[in-house]
Amino acid sequence: MNLNVTLLGQAITFAVFVWFTMRFVWPPIIAAMQARQKKIADGLQAAEQGEQELVQAHKEAAASIHEARAKAHEIVEHAQRRAAQIIEESKHLAQEEGKRMLVVAKTEIDKQATQVKEQLRAEVVGLAMLGAEKVLERSIDEKAHNDLLNKLATQI
């Protein structure tokens, strides 16, 4: 009997120990394990979310870089178009200035040609009078014959 009472005492003690453990020890351990499990799950979810945000940030950065390159390309094209426009305007202004200078030069040439013709006429009149004096060997009245000499000069 001794063995049975001891076995029965050990069984009762074991049952009390199991009840005490299940009642007072297991709940805090299970709560700590659940909290730890939740913390790990939250950490994994945060890491996954961080990876997704990183991928999204890379996509946004690539889009921003692409947009910046497109804008830079557009600015360069605009600058090239503006440069070509300025060159064309400069060419046009240079052509107009050249035409204006040509007109001024032609006017100056015409003016000088007219002056030369007038000088030449005066010289021809003087030479004609000198020649007439030599032919007639007498002095010609300039006032009386000036009209006749002017007509002669215009015909020459």
N, C-alpha and C. Protein backbone atom coordinates (compact mmCIF):
# COMPACT_ATOMS: atom_id res chain seq x y z
N MET A 1 0.76 -1.18 0.00
CA MET A 1 0.00 0.00 0.00
C MET A 1 0.81 1.26 0.00
N ASN A 2 1.82 1.06 0.52
CA ASN A 2 2.70 2.18 0.58
C ASN A 2 2.99 2.72 -0.82
N LEU A 3 3.09 1.83 -1.69
CA LEU A 3 3.37 2.21 -3.07
C LEU A 3 2.15 2.88 -3.69
N ASN A 4 1.01 2.44 -3.37
CA ASN A 4 -0.20 3.02 -3.93
C ASN A 4 -0.47 4.40 -3.36
N VAL A 5 -0.26 4.57 -2.08
CA VAL A 5 -0.50 5.87 -1.47
C VAL A 5 0.52 6.86 -2.03
N THR A 6 1.73 6.45 -2.19
CA THR A 6 2.76 7.33 -2.73
C THR A 6 2.41 7.66 -4.18
N LEU A 7 1.98 6.67 -4.91
CA LEU A 7 1.62 6.90 -6.30
C LEU A 7 0.40 7.80 -6.38
N LEU A 8 -0.55 7.59 -5.50
CA LEU A 8 -1.73 8.42 -5.46
C LEU A 8 -1.35 9.84 -5.04
N GLY A 9 -0.48 10.02 -4.10
CA GLY A 9 -0.01 11.34 -3.63
C GLY A 9 0.74 12.05 -4.76
N GLN A 10 1.55 11.31 -5.46
CA GLN A 10 2.30 11.91 -6.57
C GLN A 10 1.35 12.31 -7.70
N ALA A 11 0.32 11.50 -7.95
CA ALA A 11 -0.65 11.80 -8.99
C ALA A 11 -1.43 13.06 -8.62
N ILE A 12 -1.85 13.18 -7.33
CA ILE A 12 -2.58 14.35 -6.88
C ILE A 12 -1.67 15.58 -6.94
N THR A 13 -0.44 15.44 -6.49
CA THR A 13 0.51 16.55 -6.53
C THR A 13 0.75 16.96 -7.98
N PHE A 14 0.87 15.98 -8.85
CA PHE A 14 1.10 16.31 -10.26
C PHE A 14 -0.11 17.02 -10.84
N ALA A 15 -1.31 16.57 -10.49
CA ALA A 15 -2.54 17.21 -10.99
C ALA A 15 -2.63 18.63 -10.47
N VAL A 16 -2.29 18.88 -9.19
CA VAL A 16 -2.32 20.23 -8.62
C VAL A 16 -1.26 21.09 -9.33
N PHE A 17 -0.11 20.49 -9.57
CA PHE A 17 0.95 21.22 -10.27
C PHE A 17 0.52 21.60 -11.68
N VAL A 18 -0.14 20.68 -12.40
CA VAL A 18 -0.62 20.95 -13.75
C VAL A 18 -1.69 22.02 -13.70
N TRP A 19 -2.63 21.91 -12.73
CA TRP A 19 -3.68 22.93 -12.60
C TRP A 19 -3.07 24.29 -12.27
N PHE A 20 -2.13 24.37 -11.32
CA PHE A 20 -1.48 25.62 -10.94
C PHE A 20 -0.72 26.21 -12.12
N THR A 21 -0.01 25.37 -12.86
CA THR A 21 0.76 25.83 -14.01
C THR A 21 -0.19 26.36 -15.09
N MET A 22 -1.28 25.65 -15.35
CA MET A 22 -2.21 26.08 -16.38
C MET A 22 -2.95 27.34 -15.95
N ARG A 23 -3.16 27.51 -14.69
CA ARG A 23 -3.92 28.64 -14.18
C ARG A 23 -3.06 29.89 -14.04
N PHE A 24 -1.84 29.76 -13.53
CA PHE A 24 -1.05 30.93 -13.20
C PHE A 24 0.23 31.12 -14.03
N VAL A 25 0.83 30.09 -14.57
CA VAL A 25 2.11 30.19 -15.27
C VAL A 25 1.90 30.31 -16.78
N TRP A 26 1.01 29.45 -17.33
CA TRP A 26 0.83 29.44 -18.79
C TRP A 26 0.26 30.75 -19.35
N PRO A 27 -0.72 31.37 -18.76
CA PRO A 27 -1.27 32.58 -19.37
C PRO A 27 -0.22 33.69 -19.59
N PRO A 28 0.66 34.04 -18.63
CA PRO A 28 1.66 35.06 -18.93
C PRO A 28 2.66 34.61 -19.99
N ILE A 29 3.00 33.32 -19.99
CA ILE A 29 3.94 32.81 -20.99
C ILE A 29 3.29 32.86 -22.37
N ILE A 30 2.04 32.44 -22.46
CA ILE A 30 1.33 32.45 -23.73
C ILE A 30 1.14 33.90 -24.20
N ALA A 31 0.81 34.81 -23.26
CA ALA A 31 0.63 36.22 -23.62
C ALA A 31 1.95 36.80 -24.13
N ALA A 32 3.05 36.47 -23.47
CA ALA A 32 4.36 36.96 -23.92
C ALA A 32 4.71 36.40 -25.29
N MET A 33 4.40 35.11 -25.51
CA MET A 33 4.67 34.49 -26.80
C MET A 33 3.80 35.12 -27.89
N GLN A 34 2.53 35.39 -27.58
CA GLN A 34 1.65 36.02 -28.56
C GLN A 34 2.11 37.46 -28.86
N ALA A 35 2.53 38.15 -27.80
CA ALA A 35 3.03 39.52 -28.01
C ALA A 35 4.29 39.48 -28.88
N ARG A 36 5.16 38.54 -28.58
CA ARG A 36 6.40 38.39 -29.37
C ARG A 36 6.06 38.02 -30.82
N GLN A 37 5.10 37.10 -30.99
CA GLN A 37 4.69 36.68 -32.32
C GLN A 37 4.08 37.86 -33.08
N LYS A 38 3.25 38.67 -32.39
CA LYS A 38 2.64 39.84 -33.02
C LYS A 38 3.73 40.86 -33.39
N LYS A 39 4.70 41.04 -32.50
CA LYS A 39 5.78 41.99 -32.76
C LYS A 39 6.61 41.55 -33.97
N ILE A 40 6.87 40.25 -34.05
CA ILE A 40 7.62 39.72 -35.20
C ILE A 40 6.81 39.89 -36.48
N ALA A 41 5.51 39.60 -36.42
CA ALA A 41 4.65 39.73 -37.59
C ALA A 41 4.58 41.21 -38.03
N ASP A 42 4.45 42.11 -37.04
CA ASP A 42 4.43 43.54 -37.36
C ASP A 42 5.76 43.98 -37.98
N GLY A 43 6.85 43.46 -37.44
CA GLY A 43 8.17 43.78 -37.99
C GLY A 43 8.32 43.28 -39.42
N LEU A 44 7.86 42.07 -39.69
CA LEU A 44 7.92 41.53 -41.05
C LEU A 44 7.03 42.34 -41.99
N GLN A 45 5.85 42.70 -41.49
CA GLN A 45 4.94 43.51 -42.32
C GLN A 45 5.55 44.89 -42.59
N ALA A 46 6.16 45.47 -41.57
CA ALA A 46 6.81 46.78 -41.75
C ALA A 46 7.98 46.66 -42.73
N ALA A 47 8.75 45.58 -42.65
CA ALA A 47 9.86 45.37 -43.58
C ALA A 47 9.34 45.22 -45.00
N GLU A 48 8.26 44.45 -45.14
CA GLU A 48 7.67 44.28 -46.47
C GLU A 48 7.13 45.60 -47.00
N GLN A 49 6.47 46.36 -46.13
CA GLN A 49 5.96 47.66 -46.52
C GLN A 49 7.12 48.60 -46.87
N GLY A 50 8.21 48.52 -46.11
CA GLY A 50 9.39 49.33 -46.41
C GLY A 50 9.98 48.98 -47.76
N GLU A 51 10.02 47.69 -48.08
CA GLU A 51 10.51 47.26 -49.38
C GLU A 51 9.61 47.81 -50.50
N GLN A 52 8.30 47.74 -50.28
CA GLN A 52 7.36 48.27 -51.28
C GLN A 52 7.54 49.79 -51.44
N GLU A 53 7.73 50.48 -50.31
CA GLU A 53 7.95 51.93 -50.38
C GLU A 53 9.27 52.24 -51.07
N LEU A 54 10.29 51.39 -50.83
CA LEU A 54 11.57 51.57 -51.50
C LEU A 54 11.42 51.38 -53.01
N VAL A 55 10.69 50.34 -53.41
CA VAL A 55 10.45 50.11 -54.83
C VAL A 55 9.67 51.29 -55.41
N GLN A 56 8.66 51.76 -54.68
CA GLN A 56 7.88 52.91 -55.14
C GLN A 56 8.76 54.15 -55.23
N ALA A 57 9.65 54.34 -54.26
CA ALA A 57 10.55 55.49 -54.28
C ALA A 57 11.50 55.42 -55.47
N HIS A 58 11.98 54.21 -55.77
CA HIS A 58 12.83 54.03 -56.95
C HIS A 58 12.06 54.38 -58.23
N LYS A 59 10.81 53.93 -58.30
CA LYS A 59 9.99 54.24 -59.47
C LYS A 59 9.76 55.75 -59.58
N GLU A 60 9.46 56.38 -58.46
CA GLU A 60 9.24 57.83 -58.47
C GLU A 60 10.52 58.58 -58.84
N ALA A 61 11.65 58.09 -58.33
CA ALA A 61 12.93 58.73 -58.66
C ALA A 61 13.22 58.57 -60.15
N ALA A 62 12.97 57.38 -60.69
CA ALA A 62 13.18 57.15 -62.11
C ALA A 62 12.25 58.05 -62.94
N ALA A 63 10.99 58.16 -62.49
CA ALA A 63 10.04 59.03 -63.20
C ALA A 63 10.49 60.49 -63.12
N SER A 64 10.97 60.90 -61.96
CA SER A 64 11.46 62.28 -61.81
C SER A 64 12.67 62.53 -62.70
N ILE A 65 13.57 61.57 -62.75
CA ILE A 65 14.75 61.70 -63.59
C ILE A 65 14.33 61.77 -65.07
N HIS A 66 13.41 60.90 -65.44
CA HIS A 66 12.92 60.90 -66.82
C HIS A 66 12.25 62.24 -67.15
N GLU A 67 11.44 62.73 -66.23
CA GLU A 67 10.77 64.01 -66.43
C GLU A 67 11.79 65.15 -66.52
N ALA A 68 12.80 65.11 -65.66
CA ALA A 68 13.84 66.15 -65.69
C ALA A 68 14.62 66.09 -67.00
N ARG A 69 14.91 64.89 -67.46
CA ARG A 69 15.63 64.76 -68.74
C ARG A 69 14.77 65.29 -69.89
N ALA A 70 13.48 64.95 -69.85
CA ALA A 70 12.58 65.43 -70.90
C ALA A 70 12.49 66.96 -70.87
N LYS A 71 12.41 67.51 -69.67
CA LYS A 71 12.34 68.97 -69.54
C LYS A 71 13.65 69.60 -70.02
N ALA A 72 14.77 68.99 -69.66
CA ALA A 72 16.07 69.51 -70.12
C ALA A 72 16.16 69.44 -71.64
N HIS A 73 15.70 68.34 -72.21
CA HIS A 73 15.70 68.19 -73.66
C HIS A 73 14.82 69.27 -74.30
N GLU A 74 13.67 69.52 -73.70
CA GLU A 74 12.76 70.55 -74.20
C GLU A 74 13.42 71.93 -74.12
N ILE A 75 14.11 72.20 -73.01
CA ILE A 75 14.79 73.49 -72.85
C ILE A 75 15.88 73.64 -73.89
N VAL A 76 16.64 72.56 -74.13
CA VAL A 76 17.71 72.61 -75.14
C VAL A 76 17.11 72.86 -76.52
N GLU A 77 16.02 72.17 -76.84
CA GLU A 77 15.37 72.37 -78.14
C GLU A 77 14.86 73.80 -78.28
N HIS A 78 14.28 74.32 -77.20
CA HIS A 78 13.80 75.71 -77.23
C HIS A 78 14.97 76.67 -77.45
N ALA A 79 16.07 76.41 -76.76
CA ALA A 79 17.25 77.26 -76.92
C ALA A 79 17.79 77.19 -78.35
N GLN A 80 17.79 76.00 -78.92
CA GLN A 80 18.27 75.84 -80.30
C GLN A 80 17.34 76.57 -81.28
N ARG A 81 16.03 76.44 -81.05
CA ARG A 81 15.08 77.15 -81.92
C ARG A 81 15.26 78.66 -81.78
N ARG A 82 15.46 79.12 -80.55
CA ARG A 82 15.65 80.56 -80.32
C ARG A 82 16.95 81.02 -80.96
N ALA A 83 18.00 80.21 -80.86
CA ALA A 83 19.28 80.57 -81.49
C ALA A 83 19.12 80.66 -83.01
N ALA A 84 18.42 79.69 -83.59
CA ALA A 84 18.19 79.72 -85.04
C ALA A 84 17.36 80.96 -85.41
N GLN A 85 16.38 81.29 -84.59
CA GLN A 85 15.55 82.46 -84.85
C GLN A 85 16.40 83.73 -84.77
N ILE A 86 17.27 83.81 -83.78
CA ILE A 86 18.14 84.98 -83.64
C ILE A 86 19.07 85.08 -84.83
N ILE A 87 19.60 83.95 -85.28
CA ILE A 87 20.50 83.94 -86.45
C ILE A 87 19.75 84.43 -87.68
N GLU A 88 18.52 83.94 -87.86
CA GLU A 88 17.73 84.37 -89.02
C GLU A 88 17.42 85.86 -88.94
N GLU A 89 17.08 86.33 -87.74
CA GLU A 89 16.82 87.77 -87.58
C GLU A 89 18.07 88.58 -87.89
N SER A 90 19.22 88.07 -87.42
CA SER A 90 20.48 88.77 -87.68
C SER A 90 20.79 88.79 -89.18
N LYS A 91 20.55 87.67 -89.85
CA LYS A 91 20.77 87.61 -91.30
C LYS A 91 19.86 88.63 -92.01
N HIS A 92 18.60 88.64 -91.58
CA HIS A 92 17.64 89.56 -92.20
C HIS A 92 18.06 91.01 -91.97
N LEU A 93 18.46 91.32 -90.73
CA LEU A 93 18.91 92.68 -90.44
C LEU A 93 20.17 93.03 -91.22
N ALA A 94 21.08 92.06 -91.35
CA ALA A 94 22.31 92.30 -92.11
C ALA A 94 21.98 92.55 -93.58
N GLN A 95 21.04 91.78 -94.13
CA GLN A 95 20.65 91.98 -95.51
C GLN A 95 20.01 93.36 -95.70
N GLU A 96 19.15 93.73 -94.78
CA GLU A 96 18.52 95.05 -94.87
C GLU A 96 19.58 96.16 -94.76
N GLU A 97 20.51 95.98 -93.83
CA GLU A 97 21.59 96.97 -93.67
C GLU A 97 22.44 97.03 -94.93
N GLY A 98 22.71 95.88 -95.54
CA GLY A 98 23.47 95.84 -96.79
C GLY A 98 22.73 96.56 -97.90
N LYS A 99 21.43 96.32 -98.00
CA LYS A 99 20.63 97.00 -99.03
C LYS A 99 20.63 98.50 -98.80
N ARG A 100 20.49 98.90 -97.52
CA ARG A 100 20.49 100.33 -97.20
C ARG A 100 21.83 100.95 -97.55
N MET A 101 22.92 100.25 -97.20
CA MET A 101 24.25 100.76 -97.52
C MET A 101 24.45 100.83 -99.03
N LEU A 102 23.90 99.86 -99.76
CA LEU A 102 24.01 99.86 -101.22
C LEU A 102 23.26 101.06 -101.81
N VAL A 103 22.08 101.33 -101.28
CA VAL A 103 21.31 102.48 -101.76
C VAL A 103 22.07 103.77 -101.46
N VAL A 104 22.63 103.86 -100.25
CA VAL A 104 23.40 105.06 -99.89
C VAL A 104 24.61 105.19 -100.81
N ALA A 105 25.28 104.08 -101.06
CA ALA A 105 26.46 104.11 -101.93
C ALA A 105 26.06 104.52 -103.35
N LYS A 106 24.96 103.96 -103.86
CA LYS A 106 24.50 104.33 -105.21
C LYS A 106 24.14 105.81 -105.26
N THR A 107 23.48 106.30 -104.22
CA THR A 107 23.12 107.71 -104.17
C THR A 107 24.38 108.57 -104.16
N GLU A 108 25.36 108.16 -103.37
CA GLU A 108 26.63 108.90 -103.32
C GLU A 108 27.34 108.87 -104.66
N ILE A 109 27.32 107.70 -105.31
CA ILE A 109 27.94 107.58 -106.64
C ILE A 109 27.23 108.47 -107.65
N ASP A 110 25.90 108.46 -107.61
CA ASP A 110 25.13 109.32 -108.52
C ASP A 110 25.43 110.79 -108.26
N LYS A 111 25.51 111.13 -106.99
CA LYS A 111 25.81 112.52 -106.62
C LYS A 111 27.19 112.92 -107.14
N GLN A 112 28.17 112.05 -106.92
CA GLN A 112 29.53 112.34 -107.39
C GLN A 112 29.58 112.38 -108.92
N ALA A 113 28.83 111.48 -109.57
CA ALA A 113 28.80 111.47 -111.03
C ALA A 113 28.20 112.78 -111.55
N THR A 114 27.14 113.25 -110.88
CA THR A 114 26.53 114.51 -111.28
C THR A 114 27.51 115.66 -111.09
N GLN A 115 28.24 115.65 -109.97
CA GLN A 115 29.24 116.69 -109.73
C GLN A 115 30.33 116.65 -110.79
N VAL A 116 30.77 115.46 -111.12
CA VAL A 116 31.81 115.31 -112.13
C VAL A 116 31.30 115.81 -113.48
N LYS A 117 30.04 115.48 -113.81
CA LYS A 117 29.47 115.94 -115.07
C LYS A 117 29.40 117.47 -115.10
N GLU A 118 28.98 118.04 -113.96
CA GLU A 118 28.90 119.50 -113.89
C GLU A 118 30.29 120.12 -114.04
N GLN A 119 31.28 119.52 -113.39
CA GLN A 119 32.64 120.03 -113.53
C GLN A 119 33.12 119.88 -114.97
N LEU A 120 32.79 118.73 -115.54
CA LEU A 120 33.19 118.48 -116.93
C LEU A 120 32.52 119.49 -117.86
N ARG A 121 31.24 119.77 -117.65
CA ARG A 121 30.53 120.76 -118.47
C ARG A 121 31.18 122.13 -118.34
N ALA A 122 31.51 122.47 -117.07
CA ALA A 122 32.15 123.78 -116.87
C ALA A 122 33.49 123.84 -117.60
N GLU A 123 34.23 122.74 -117.55
CA GLU A 123 35.52 122.70 -118.25
C GLU A 123 35.31 122.76 -119.76
N VAL A 124 34.29 122.04 -120.26
CA VAL A 124 34.00 122.05 -121.69
C VAL A 124 33.61 123.46 -122.12
N VAL A 125 32.79 124.12 -121.30
CA VAL A 125 32.38 125.49 -121.63
C VAL A 125 33.62 126.39 -121.66
N GLY A 126 34.46 126.22 -120.64
CA GLY A 126 35.69 127.02 -120.61
C GLY A 126 36.57 126.73 -121.80
N LEU A 127 36.69 125.45 -122.13
CA LEU A 127 37.51 125.07 -123.30
C LEU A 127 36.88 125.57 -124.60
N ALA A 128 35.56 125.50 -124.68
CA ALA A 128 34.87 125.98 -125.89
C ALA A 128 35.08 127.48 -126.04
N MET A 129 34.99 128.19 -124.93
CA MET A 129 35.21 129.64 -124.99
C MET A 129 36.65 129.95 -125.36
N LEU A 130 37.55 129.22 -124.79
CA LEU A 130 38.97 129.41 -125.09
C LEU A 130 39.22 129.08 -126.56
N GLY A 131 38.60 127.99 -127.03
CA GLY A 131 38.75 127.60 -128.43
C GLY A 131 38.14 128.64 -129.36
N ALA A 132 36.98 129.15 -128.98
CA ALA A 132 36.32 130.16 -129.80
C ALA A 132 37.15 131.44 -129.82
N GLU A 133 37.73 131.80 -128.69
CA GLU A 133 38.58 132.98 -128.64
C GLU A 133 39.79 132.81 -129.54
N LYS A 134 40.33 131.61 -129.48
CA LYS A 134 41.50 131.36 -130.32
C LYS A 134 41.12 131.42 -131.78
N VAL A 135 39.93 130.86 -132.11
CA VAL A 135 39.51 130.85 -133.50
C VAL A 135 39.22 132.27 -133.96
N LEU A 136 38.54 132.98 -133.23
CA LEU A 136 38.16 134.32 -133.62
C LEU A 136 39.23 135.36 -133.26
N GLU A 137 40.11 134.98 -132.42
CA GLU A 137 41.17 135.79 -131.89
C GLU A 137 40.64 137.08 -131.32
N ARG A 138 39.59 136.92 -130.73
CA ARG A 138 39.07 138.04 -130.00
C ARG A 138 38.28 137.52 -128.82
N SER A 139 37.99 138.37 -127.92
CA SER A 139 37.30 138.02 -126.70
C SER A 139 35.80 137.91 -126.97
N ILE A 140 35.17 136.90 -126.41
CA ILE A 140 33.74 136.70 -126.59
C ILE A 140 33.06 137.19 -125.33
N ASP A 141 31.94 137.84 -125.51
CA ASP A 141 31.17 138.32 -124.37
C ASP A 141 30.50 137.10 -123.73
N GLU A 142 30.87 136.84 -122.50
CA GLU A 142 30.37 135.64 -121.83
C GLU A 142 28.88 135.71 -121.60
N LYS A 143 28.37 136.84 -121.24
CA LYS A 143 26.94 136.95 -120.96
C LYS A 143 26.11 136.74 -122.21
N ALA A 144 26.53 137.25 -123.28
CA ALA A 144 25.74 137.15 -124.51
C ALA A 144 25.72 135.73 -125.03
N HIS A 145 26.78 135.07 -124.93
CA HIS A 145 26.86 133.74 -125.54
C HIS A 145 26.80 132.60 -124.51
N ASN A 146 26.55 132.91 -123.27
CA ASN A 146 26.52 131.89 -122.21
C ASN A 146 25.41 130.88 -122.45
N ASP A 147 24.23 131.33 -122.87
CA ASP A 147 23.12 130.42 -123.14
C ASP A 147 23.47 129.46 -124.26
N LEU A 148 24.09 129.97 -125.29
CA LEU A 148 24.47 129.13 -126.41
C LEU A 148 25.48 128.08 -125.97
N LEU A 149 26.41 128.43 -125.14
CA LEU A 149 27.43 127.47 -124.66
C LEU A 149 26.83 126.45 -123.71
N ASN A 150 25.89 126.85 -122.88
CA ASN A 150 25.22 125.91 -121.96
C ASN A 150 24.46 124.86 -122.76
N LYS A 151 23.76 125.26 -123.81
CA LYS A 151 23.06 124.32 -124.66
C LYS A 151 24.04 123.35 -125.31
N LEU A 152 25.15 123.92 -125.75
CA LEU A 152 26.20 123.08 -126.35
C LEU A 152 26.73 122.07 -125.31
N ALA A 153 26.93 122.53 -124.09
CA ALA A 153 27.47 121.67 -123.03
C ALA A 153 26.49 120.55 -122.69
N THR A 154 25.19 120.86 -122.68
CA THR A 154 24.20 119.82 -122.35
C THR A 154 24.11 118.79 -123.46
N GLN A 155 24.37 119.19 -124.70
CA GLN A 155 24.34 118.26 -125.79
C GLN A 155 25.57 117.35 -125.78
N ILE A 156 26.65 117.83 -125.22
CA ILE A 156 27.88 117.05 -125.17
C ILE A 156 27.74 116.10 -124.03
